[in-house]
Amino acid sequence: MPPKKKVDLPDHVREAALADVELSHQQALDAEERDRVRVFLATEQGLSTYEIADRLGVSQQTVSNWRRQGEEVYRRREAARSRRSGNDPDRPTELGAVG
């Protein structure tokens, strides 16, 4: 196979293409995090790793890994949300409710 020719693009076009690739990559990472959180929440609602693995066509070990990763993301986002709203996640409110 002959070598590929490099296409000479103006700098602004090259930068725009790179920015688009970065955005697509970040969106893919964000979607992956959301999927992991969904797996975590599904297990919290009582679905077994077996049920989830069977439905997604992956191993139970994969689901367990995704559940753990999803829990980490979920806890991190909840802590950030509490900080933004001025609540300290480690300090109970007057009503005793914790976020």
PDB file of N, CA and C in Angstrom:
ATOM      1  N   MET A   1       0.842  -1.162   0.000  1.00  0.00           N
ATOM      2  CA  MET A   1       0.000   0.000   0.000  1.00  0.00           C
ATOM      3  C   MET A   1       0.898   1.238   0.000  1.00  0.00           C
ATOM      4  N   PRO A   2       0.628   2.187  -0.880  1.00  0.00           N
ATOM      5  CA  PRO A   2       1.458   3.395  -0.937  1.00  0.00           C
ATOM      6  C   PRO A   2       1.255   4.242   0.312  1.00  0.00           C
ATOM      7  N   PRO A   3       2.270   4.998   0.708  1.00  0.00           N
ATOM      8  CA  PRO A   3       2.126   5.840   1.894  1.00  0.00           C
ATOM      9  C   PRO A   3       1.067   6.922   1.660  1.00  0.00           C
ATOM     10  N   LYS A   4       0.426   7.293   2.743  1.00  0.00           N
ATOM     11  CA  LYS A   4      -0.598   8.333   2.652  1.00  0.00           C
ATOM     12  C   LYS A   4       0.068   9.692   2.487  1.00  0.00           C
ATOM     13  N   LYS A   5      -0.560  10.521   1.665  1.00  0.00           N
ATOM     14  CA  LYS A   5      -0.061  11.874   1.489  1.00  0.00           C
ATOM     15  C   LYS A   5      -0.606  12.754   2.600  1.00  0.00           C
ATOM     16  N   LYS A   6       0.228  13.607   3.111  1.00  0.00           N
ATOM     17  CA  LYS A   6      -0.202  14.540   4.133  1.00  0.00           C
ATOM     18  C   LYS A   6      -0.965  15.666   3.451  1.00  0.00           C
ATOM     19  N   VAL A   7      -2.116  15.968   3.997  1.00  0.00           N
ATOM     20  CA  VAL A   7      -2.933  17.047   3.461  1.00  0.00           C
ATOM     21  C   VAL A   7      -2.514  18.328   4.166  1.00  0.00           C
ATOM     22  N   ASP A   8      -2.170  19.311   3.379  1.00  0.00           N
ATOM     23  CA  ASP A   8      -1.797  20.606   3.961  1.00  0.00           C
ATOM     24  C   ASP A   8      -3.044  21.439   4.196  1.00  0.00           C
ATOM     25  N   LEU A   9      -3.351  21.615   5.472  1.00  0.00           N
ATOM     26  CA  LEU A   9      -4.512  22.403   5.851  1.00  0.00           C
ATOM     27  C   LEU A   9      -4.044  23.715   6.467  1.00  0.00           C
ATOM     28  N   PRO A  10      -4.808  24.765   6.271  1.00  0.00           N
ATOM     29  CA  PRO A  10      -4.474  26.015   6.965  1.00  0.00           C
ATOM     30  C   PRO A  10      -4.523  25.775   8.475  1.00  0.00           C
ATOM     31  N   ASP A  11      -3.737  26.538   9.215  1.00  0.00           N
ATOM     32  CA  ASP A  11      -3.651  26.356  10.663  1.00  0.00           C
ATOM     33  C   ASP A  11      -5.015  26.427  11.345  1.00  0.00           C
ATOM     34  N   HIS A  12      -5.858  27.371  10.926  1.00  0.00           N
ATOM     35  CA  HIS A  12      -7.155  27.510  11.590  1.00  0.00           C
ATOM     36  C   HIS A  12      -8.053  26.297  11.338  1.00  0.00           C
ATOM     37  N   VAL A  13      -7.925  25.664  10.173  1.00  0.00           N
ATOM     38  CA  VAL A  13      -8.713  24.468   9.872  1.00  0.00           C
ATOM     39  C   VAL A  13      -8.183  23.290  10.686  1.00  0.00           C
ATOM     40  N   ARG A  14      -6.869  23.167  10.755  1.00  0.00           N
ATOM     41  CA  ARG A  14      -6.243  22.100  11.541  1.00  0.00           C
ATOM     42  C   ARG A  14      -6.644  22.228  13.021  1.00  0.00           C
ATOM     43  N   GLU A  15      -6.625  23.451  13.566  1.00  0.00           N
ATOM     44  CA  GLU A  15      -6.999  23.679  14.963  1.00  0.00           C
ATOM     45  C   GLU A  15      -8.476  23.333  15.188  1.00  0.00           C
ATOM     46  N   ALA A  16      -9.322  23.700  14.246  1.00  0.00           N
ATOM     47  CA  ALA A  16     -10.746  23.397  14.374  1.00  0.00           C
ATOM     48  C   ALA A  16     -10.975  21.883  14.358  1.00  0.00           C
ATOM     49  N   ALA A  17     -10.260  21.178  13.495  1.00  0.00           N
ATOM     50  CA  ALA A  17     -10.386  19.719  13.427  1.00  0.00           C
ATOM     51  C   ALA A  17      -9.928  19.076  14.730  1.00  0.00           C
ATOM     52  N   LEU A  18      -8.814  19.557  15.288  1.00  0.00           N
ATOM     53  CA  LEU A  18      -8.318  19.029  16.557  1.00  0.00           C
ATOM     54  C   LEU A  18      -9.288  19.322  17.694  1.00  0.00           C
ATOM     55  N   ALA A  19      -9.862  20.514  17.699  1.00  0.00           N
ATOM     56  CA  ALA A  19     -10.843  20.861  18.734  1.00  0.00           C
ATOM     57  C   ALA A  19     -12.060  19.947  18.640  1.00  0.00           C
ATOM     58  N   ASP A  20     -12.488  19.624  17.426  1.00  0.00           N
ATOM     59  CA  ASP A  20     -13.620  18.732  17.223  1.00  0.00           C
ATOM     60  C   ASP A  20     -13.301  17.326  17.731  1.00  0.00           C
ATOM     61  N   VAL A  21     -12.087  16.862  17.469  1.00  0.00           N
ATOM     62  CA  VAL A  21     -11.670  15.540  17.948  1.00  0.00           C
ATOM     63  C   VAL A  21     -11.644  15.527  19.474  1.00  0.00           C
ATOM     64  N   GLU A  22     -11.118  16.592  20.075  1.00  0.00           N
ATOM     65  CA  GLU A  22     -11.085  16.684  21.539  1.00  0.00           C
ATOM     66  C   GLU A  22     -12.493  16.661  22.124  1.00  0.00           C
ATOM     67  N   LEU A  23     -13.397  17.416  21.522  1.00  0.00           N
ATOM     68  CA  LEU A  23     -14.771  17.459  21.996  1.00  0.00           C
ATOM     69  C   LEU A  23     -15.423  16.086  21.885  1.00  0.00           C
ATOM     70  N   SER A  24     -15.226  15.417  20.760  1.00  0.00           N
ATOM     71  CA  SER A  24     -15.792  14.076  20.576  1.00  0.00           C
ATOM     72  C   SER A  24     -15.240  13.102  21.606  1.00  0.00           C
ATOM     73  N   HIS A  25     -13.952  13.199  21.868  1.00  0.00           N
ATOM     74  CA  HIS A  25     -13.317  12.320  22.846  1.00  0.00           C
ATOM     75  C   HIS A  25     -13.894  12.577  24.238  1.00  0.00           C
ATOM     76  N   GLN A  26     -14.033  13.850  24.615  1.00  0.00           N
ATOM     77  CA  GLN A  26     -14.578  14.180  25.935  1.00  0.00           C
ATOM     78  C   GLN A  26     -16.016  13.712  26.059  1.00  0.00           C
ATOM     79  N   GLN A  27     -16.792  13.859  24.999  1.00  0.00           N
ATOM     80  CA  GLN A  27     -18.178  13.397  25.026  1.00  0.00           C
ATOM     81  C   GLN A  27     -18.240  11.884  25.210  1.00  0.00           C
ATOM     82  N   ALA A  28     -17.321  11.165  24.571  1.00  0.00           N
ATOM     83  CA  ALA A  28     -17.273   9.711  24.719  1.00  0.00           C
ATOM     84  C   ALA A  28     -16.924   9.331  26.160  1.00  0.00           C
ATOM     85  N   LEU A  29     -15.972  10.042  26.758  1.00  0.00           N
ATOM     86  CA  LEU A  29     -15.603   9.778  28.155  1.00  0.00           C
ATOM     87  C   LEU A  29     -16.774  10.070  29.088  1.00  0.00           C
ATOM     88  N   ASP A  30     -17.472  11.180  28.847  1.00  0.00           N
ATOM     89  CA  ASP A  30     -18.631  11.530  29.665  1.00  0.00           C
ATOM     90  C   ASP A  30     -19.728  10.475  29.546  1.00  0.00           C
ATOM     91  N   ALA A  31     -19.959   9.992  28.334  1.00  0.00           N
ATOM     92  CA  ALA A  31     -20.980   8.965  28.115  1.00  0.00           C
ATOM     93  C   ALA A  31     -20.586   7.675  28.835  1.00  0.00           C
ATOM     94  N   GLU A  32     -19.306   7.352  28.808  1.00  0.00           N
ATOM     95  CA  GLU A  32     -18.828   6.148  29.489  1.00  0.00           C
ATOM     96  C   GLU A  32     -19.061   6.267  30.999  1.00  0.00           C
ATOM     97  N   GLU A  33     -18.782   7.450  31.560  1.00  0.00           N
ATOM     98  CA  GLU A  33     -19.034   7.663  32.986  1.00  0.00           C
ATOM     99  C   GLU A  33     -20.517   7.523  33.302  1.00  0.00           C
ATOM    100  N   ARG A  34     -21.373   8.096  32.468  1.00  0.00           N
ATOM    101  CA  ARG A  34     -22.820   7.992  32.697  1.00  0.00           C
ATOM    102  C   ARG A  34     -23.275   6.537  32.663  1.00  0.00           C
ATOM    103  N   ASP A  35     -22.722   5.760  31.736  1.00  0.00           N
ATOM    104  CA  ASP A  35     -23.078   4.342  31.663  1.00  0.00           C
ATOM    105  C   ASP A  35     -22.652   3.599  32.926  1.00  0.00           C
ATOM    106  N   ARG A  36     -21.478   3.925  33.452  1.00  0.00           N
ATOM    107  CA  ARG A  36     -20.996   3.273  34.681  1.00  0.00           C
ATOM    108  C   ARG A  36     -21.901   3.630  35.854  1.00  0.00           C
ATOM    109  N   VAL A  37     -22.318   4.896  35.922  1.00  0.00           N
ATOM    110  CA  VAL A  37     -23.210   5.313  37.001  1.00  0.00           C
ATOM    111  C   VAL A  37     -24.542   4.571  36.871  1.00  0.00           C
ATOM    112  N   ARG A  38     -25.032   4.401  35.669  1.00  0.00           N
ATOM    113  CA  ARG A  38     -26.292   3.675  35.469  1.00  0.00           C
ATOM    114  C   ARG A  38     -26.177   2.227  35.955  1.00  0.00           C
ATOM    115  N   VAL A  39     -25.036   1.591  35.711  1.00  0.00           N
ATOM    116  CA  VAL A  39     -24.821   0.222  36.192  1.00  0.00           C
ATOM    117  C   VAL A  39     -24.836   0.223  37.719  1.00  0.00           C
ATOM    118  N   PHE A  40     -24.139   1.173  38.333  1.00  0.00           N
ATOM    119  CA  PHE A  40     -24.134   1.276  39.791  1.00  0.00           C
ATOM    120  C   PHE A  40     -25.556   1.447  40.315  1.00  0.00           C
ATOM    121  N   LEU A  41     -26.311   2.376  39.732  1.00  0.00           N
ATOM    122  CA  LEU A  41     -27.668   2.631  40.200  1.00  0.00           C
ATOM    123  C   LEU A  41     -28.574   1.415  39.990  1.00  0.00           C
ATOM    124  N   ALA A  42     -28.361   0.673  38.915  1.00  0.00           N
ATOM    125  CA  ALA A  42     -29.155  -0.536  38.677  1.00  0.00           C
ATOM    126  C   ALA A  42     -28.899  -1.559  39.779  1.00  0.00           C
ATOM    127  N   THR A  43     -27.641  -1.709  40.194  1.00  0.00           N
ATOM    128  CA  THR A  43     -27.356  -2.653  41.285  1.00  0.00           C
ATOM    129  C   THR A  43     -27.940  -2.142  42.600  1.00  0.00           C
ATOM    130  N   GLU A  44     -27.951  -0.818  42.789  1.00  0.00           N
ATOM    131  CA  GLU A  44     -28.533  -0.251  43.998  1.00  0.00           C
ATOM    132  C   GLU A  44     -30.053  -0.488  44.045  1.00  0.00           C
ATOM    133  N   GLN A  45     -30.662  -0.637  42.874  1.00  0.00           N
ATOM    134  CA  GLN A  45     -32.101  -0.886  42.804  1.00  0.00           C
ATOM    135  C   GLN A  45     -32.427  -2.374  42.890  1.00  0.00           C
ATOM    136  N   GLY A  46     -31.396  -3.192  43.063  1.00  0.00           N
ATOM    137  CA  GLY A  46     -31.639  -4.619  43.293  1.00  0.00           C
ATOM    138  C   GLY A  46     -31.342  -5.537  42.130  1.00  0.00           C
ATOM    139  N   LEU A  47     -30.936  -5.004  40.983  1.00  0.00           N
ATOM    140  CA  LEU A  47     -30.572  -5.897  39.887  1.00  0.00           C
ATOM    141  C   LEU A  47     -29.234  -6.560  40.205  1.00  0.00           C
ATOM    142  N   SER A  48     -29.116  -7.820  39.862  1.00  0.00           N
ATOM    143  CA  SER A  48     -27.871  -8.536  40.133  1.00  0.00           C
ATOM    144  C   SER A  48     -26.864  -8.296  39.012  1.00  0.00           C
ATOM    145  N   THR A  49     -25.597  -8.503  39.339  1.00  0.00           N
ATOM    146  CA  THR A  49     -24.571  -8.376  38.306  1.00  0.00           C
ATOM    147  C   THR A  49     -24.812  -9.405  37.207  1.00  0.00           C
ATOM    148  N   TYR A  50     -25.364 -10.551  37.583  1.00  0.00           N
ATOM    149  CA  TYR A  50     -25.684 -11.568  36.579  1.00  0.00           C
ATOM    150  C   TYR A  50     -26.725 -11.048  35.598  1.00  0.00           C
ATOM    151  N   GLU A  51     -27.791 -10.453  36.117  1.00  0.00           N
ATOM    152  CA  GLU A  51     -28.854  -9.928  35.245  1.00  0.00           C
ATOM    153  C   GLU A  51     -28.311  -8.857  34.309  1.00  0.00           C
ATOM    154  N   ILE A  52     -27.522  -7.949  34.850  1.00  0.00           N
ATOM    155  CA  ILE A  52     -26.970  -6.866  34.041  1.00  0.00           C
ATOM    156  C   ILE A  52     -26.006  -7.419  33.000  1.00  0.00           C
ATOM    157  N   ALA A  53     -25.132  -8.335  33.418  1.00  0.00           N
ATOM    158  CA  ALA A  53     -24.148  -8.933  32.498  1.00  0.00           C
ATOM    159  C   ALA A  53     -24.859  -9.657  31.363  1.00  0.00           C
ATOM    160  N   ASP A  54     -25.893 -10.404  31.707  1.00  0.00           N
ATOM    161  CA  ASP A  54     -26.642 -11.141  30.693  1.00  0.00           C
ATOM    162  C   ASP A  54     -27.293 -10.183  29.699  1.00  0.00           C
ATOM    163  N   ARG A  55     -27.870  -9.118  30.200  1.00  0.00           N
ATOM    164  CA  ARG A  55     -28.553  -8.142  29.350  1.00  0.00           C
ATOM    165  C   ARG A  55     -27.585  -7.398  28.433  1.00  0.00           C
ATOM    166  N   LEU A  56     -26.378  -7.080  28.966  1.00  0.00           N
ATOM    167  CA  LEU A  56     -25.413  -6.318  28.181  1.00  0.00           C
ATOM    168  C   LEU A  56     -24.471  -7.197  27.360  1.00  0.00           C
ATOM    169  N   GLY A  57     -24.468  -8.488  27.638  1.00  0.00           N
ATOM    170  CA  GLY A  57     -23.589  -9.393  26.893  1.00  0.00           C
ATOM    171  C   GLY A  57     -22.128  -9.263  27.298  1.00  0.00           C
ATOM    172  N   VAL A  58     -21.906  -8.985  28.592  1.00  0.00           N
ATOM    173  CA  VAL A  58     -20.544  -8.886  29.114  1.00  0.00           C
ATOM    174  C   VAL A  58     -20.439  -9.804  30.322  1.00  0.00           C
ATOM    175  N   SER A  59     -19.233  -9.955  30.850  1.00  0.00           N
ATOM    176  CA  SER A  59     -19.038 -10.832  32.005  1.00  0.00           C
ATOM    177  C   SER A  59     -19.497 -10.147  33.292  1.00  0.00           C
ATOM    178  N   GLN A  60     -19.753 -10.966  34.310  1.00  0.00           N
ATOM    179  CA  GLN A  60     -20.118 -10.419  35.616  1.00  0.00           C
ATOM    180  C   GLN A  60     -18.956  -9.616  36.198  1.00  0.00           C
ATOM    181  N   GLN A  61     -17.735 -10.022  35.919  1.00  0.00           N
ATOM    182  CA  GLN A  61     -16.572  -9.285  36.403  1.00  0.00           C
ATOM    183  C   GLN A  61     -16.554  -7.876  35.804  1.00  0.00           C
ATOM    184  N   THR A  62     -16.891  -7.777  34.520  1.00  0.00           N
ATOM    185  CA  THR A  62     -16.956  -6.466  33.871  1.00  0.00           C
ATOM    186  C   THR A  62     -18.016  -5.603  34.541  1.00  0.00           C
ATOM    187  N   VAL A  63     -19.174  -6.177  34.797  1.00  0.00           N
ATOM    188  CA  VAL A  63     -20.247  -5.428  35.466  1.00  0.00           C
ATOM    189  C   VAL A  63     -19.797  -5.003  36.859  1.00  0.00           C
ATOM    190  N   SER A  64     -19.111  -5.872  37.579  1.00  0.00           N
ATOM    191  CA  SER A  64     -18.612  -5.517  38.912  1.00  0.00           C
ATOM    192  C   SER A  64     -17.641  -4.350  38.833  1.00  0.00           C
ATOM    193  N   ASN A  65     -16.760  -4.378  37.853  1.00  0.00           N
ATOM    194  CA  ASN A  65     -15.812  -3.271  37.655  1.00  0.00           C
ATOM    195  C   ASN A  65     -16.551  -1.983  37.321  1.00  0.00           C
ATOM    196  N   TRP A  66     -17.514  -2.075  36.408  1.00  0.00           N
ATOM    197  CA  TRP A  66     -18.282  -0.899  36.025  1.00  0.00           C
ATOM    198  C   TRP A  66     -19.078  -0.353  37.211  1.00  0.00           C
ATOM    199  N   ARG A  67     -19.630  -1.253  38.039  1.00  0.00           N
ATOM    200  CA  ARG A  67     -20.397  -0.836  39.214  1.00  0.00           C
ATOM    201  C   ARG A  67     -19.496  -0.052  40.171  1.00  0.00           C
ATOM    202  N   ARG A  68     -18.296  -0.572  40.407  1.00  0.00           N
ATOM    203  CA  ARG A  68     -17.349   0.102  41.301  1.00  0.00           C
ATOM    204  C   ARG A  68     -16.960   1.464  40.736  1.00  0.00           C
ATOM    205  N   GLN A  69     -16.651   1.512  39.445  1.00  0.00           N
ATOM    206  CA  GLN A  69     -16.289   2.783  38.805  1.00  0.00           C
ATOM    207  C   GLN A  69     -17.461   3.754  38.837  1.00  0.00           C
ATOM    208  N   GLY A  70     -18.657   3.242  38.595  1.00  0.00           N
ATOM    209  CA  GLY A  70     -19.848   4.078  38.612  1.00  0.00           C
ATOM    210  C   GLY A  70     -20.124   4.643  39.990  1.00  0.00           C
ATOM    211  N   GLU A  71     -19.887   3.844  41.017  1.00  0.00           N
ATOM    212  CA  GLU A  71     -20.080   4.331  42.381  1.00  0.00           C
ATOM    213  C   GLU A  71     -19.105   5.460  42.687  1.00  0.00           C
ATOM    214  N   GLU A  72     -17.859   5.310  42.254  1.00  0.00           N
ATOM    215  CA  GLU A  72     -16.858   6.361  42.472  1.00  0.00           C
ATOM    216  C   GLU A  72     -17.279   7.663  41.798  1.00  0.00           C
ATOM    217  N   VAL A  73     -17.734   7.576  40.553  1.00  0.00           N
ATOM    218  CA  VAL A  73     -18.179   8.766  39.818  1.00  0.00           C
ATOM    219  C   VAL A  73     -19.402   9.371  40.499  1.00  0.00           C
ATOM    220  N   TYR A  74     -20.347   8.520  40.879  1.00  0.00           N
ATOM    221  CA  TYR A  74     -21.576   8.984  41.533  1.00  0.00           C
ATOM    222  C   TYR A  74     -21.254   9.728  42.823  1.00  0.00           C
ATOM    223  N   ARG A  75     -20.404   9.144  43.656  1.00  0.00           N
ATOM    224  CA  ARG A  75     -20.040   9.773  44.938  1.00  0.00           C
ATOM    225  C   ARG A  75     -19.304  11.096  44.705  1.00  0.00           C
ATOM    226  N   ARG A  76     -18.416  11.112  43.726  1.00  0.00           N
ATOM    227  CA  ARG A  76     -17.669  12.334  43.411  1.00  0.00           C
ATOM    228  C   ARG A  76     -18.615  13.440  42.951  1.00  0.00           C
ATOM    229  N   ARG A  77     -19.559  13.091  42.083  1.00  0.00           N
ATOM    230  CA  ARG A  77     -20.516  14.089  41.581  1.00  0.00           C
ATOM    231  C   ARG A  77     -21.447  14.574  42.676  1.00  0.00           C
ATOM    232  N   GLU A  78     -21.880  13.663  43.557  1.00  0.00           N
ATOM    233  CA  GLU A  78     -22.746  14.057  44.669  1.00  0.00           C
ATOM    234  C   GLU A  78     -22.015  15.001  45.612  1.00  0.00           C
ATOM    235  N   ALA A  79     -20.742  14.726  45.877  1.00  0.00           N
ATOM    236  CA  ALA A  79     -19.951  15.596  46.749  1.00  0.00           C
ATOM    237  C   ALA A  79     -19.796  16.978  46.113  1.00  0.00           C
ATOM    238  N   ALA A  80     -19.536  17.008  44.810  1.00  0.00           N
ATOM    239  CA  ALA A  80     -19.393  18.287  44.107  1.00  0.00           C
ATOM    240  C   ALA A  80     -20.714  19.050  44.125  1.00  0.00           C
ATOM    241  N   ARG A  81     -21.813  18.356  43.945  1.00  0.00           N
ATOM    242  CA  ARG A  81     -23.133  18.995  43.964  1.00  0.00           C
ATOM    243  C   ARG A  81     -23.413  19.574  45.354  1.00  0.00           C
ATOM    244  N   SER A  82     -23.056  18.849  46.393  1.00  0.00           N
ATOM    245  CA  SER A  82     -23.260  19.340  47.756  1.00  0.00           C
ATOM    246  C   SER A  82     -22.412  20.573  48.035  1.00  0.00           C
ATOM    247  N   ARG A  83     -21.172  20.573  47.547  1.00  0.00           N
ATOM    248  CA  ARG A  83     -20.307  21.741  47.742  1.00  0.00           C
ATOM    249  C   ARG A  83     -20.870  22.962  47.036  1.00  0.00           C
ATOM    250  N   ARG A  84     -21.395  22.760  45.814  1.00  0.00           N
ATOM    251  CA  ARG A  84     -21.963  23.883  45.062  1.00  0.00           C
ATOM    252  C   ARG A  84     -23.187  24.461  45.759  1.00  0.00           C
ATOM    253  N   SER A  85     -23.970  23.601  46.399  1.00  0.00           N
ATOM    254  CA  SER A  85     -25.188  24.075  47.063  1.00  0.00           C
ATOM    255  C   SER A  85     -24.904  24.572  48.475  1.00  0.00           C
ATOM    256  N   GLY A  86     -23.646  24.472  48.904  1.00  0.00           N
ATOM    257  CA  GLY A  86     -23.269  24.971  50.215  1.00  0.00           C
ATOM    258  C   GLY A  86     -23.443  23.964  51.329  1.00  0.00           C
ATOM    259  N   ASN A  87     -23.805  22.744  51.003  1.00  0.00           N
ATOM    260  CA  ASN A  87     -23.963  21.701  52.009  1.00  0.00           C
ATOM    261  C   ASN A  87     -22.658  20.948  52.190  1.00  0.00           C
ATOM    262  N   ASP A  88     -22.348  20.631  53.418  1.00  0.00           N
ATOM    263  CA  ASP A  88     -21.184  19.806  53.710  1.00  0.00           C
ATOM    264  C   ASP A  88     -21.664  18.361  53.756  1.00  0.00           C
ATOM    265  N   PRO A  89     -21.222  17.497  52.818  1.00  0.00           N
ATOM    266  CA  PRO A  89     -21.729  16.124  52.777  1.00  0.00           C
ATOM    267  C   PRO A  89     -21.381  15.320  54.019  1.00  0.00           C
ATOM    268  N   ASP A  90     -20.388  15.765  54.801  1.00  0.00           N
ATOM    269  CA  ASP A  90     -19.993  15.030  56.000  1.00  0.00           C
ATOM    270  C   ASP A  90     -20.666  15.564  57.262  1.00  0.00           C
ATOM    271  N   ARG A  91     -21.485  16.600  57.107  1.00  0.00           N
ATOM    272  CA  ARG A  91     -22.152  17.197  58.260  1.00  0.00           C
ATOM    273  C   ARG A  91     -23.659  17.086  58.082  1.00  0.00           C
ATOM    274  N   PRO A  92     -24.351  16.369  58.968  1.00  0.00           N
ATOM    275  CA  PRO A  92     -25.797  16.221  58.826  1.00  0.00           C
ATOM    276  C   PRO A  92     -26.512  17.556  58.940  1.00  0.00           C
ATOM    277  N   THR A  93     -27.633  17.680  58.240  1.00  0.00           N
ATOM    278  CA  THR A  93     -28.432  18.904  58.326  1.00  0.00           C
ATOM    279  C   THR A  93     -29.278  18.836  59.579  1.00  0.00           C
ATOM    280  N   GLU A  94     -29.996  19.909  59.883  1.00  0.00           N
ATOM    281  CA  GLU A  94     -30.834  19.934  61.063  1.00  0.00           C
ATOM    282  C   GLU A  94     -31.908  18.860  61.050  1.00  0.00           C
ATOM    283  N   LEU A  95     -32.379  18.537  59.864  1.00  0.00           N
ATOM    284  CA  LEU A  95     -33.428  17.520  59.751  1.00  0.00           C
ATOM    285  C   LEU A  95     -32.854  16.119  59.757  1.00  0.00           C
ATOM    286  N   GLY A  96     -31.540  16.015  59.720  1.00  0.00           N
ATOM    287  CA  GLY A  96     -30.917  14.701  59.741  1.00  0.00           C
ATOM    288  C   GLY A  96     -30.845  14.055  58.376  1.00  0.00           C
ATOM    289  N   ALA A  97     -31.281  14.753  57.336  1.00  0.00           N
ATOM    290  CA  ALA A  97     -31.234  14.189  55.991  1.00  0.00           C
ATOM    291  C   ALA A  97     -29.864  14.431  55.407  1.00  0.00           C
ATOM    292  N   VAL A  98     -29.333  13.415  54.777  1.00  0.00           N
ATOM    293  CA  VAL A  98     -28.042  13.531  54.103  1.00  0.00           C
ATOM    294  C   VAL A  98     -28.285  13.286  52.636  1.00  0.00           C
ATOM    295  N   GLY A  99     -27.823  14.238  51.772  1.00  0.00           N
ATOM    296  CA  GLY A  99     -28.002  14.280  50.341  1.00  0.00           C
ATOM    297  C   GLY A  99     -28.061  13.052  49.652  1.00  0.00           C
TER     298      GLY A  99
END
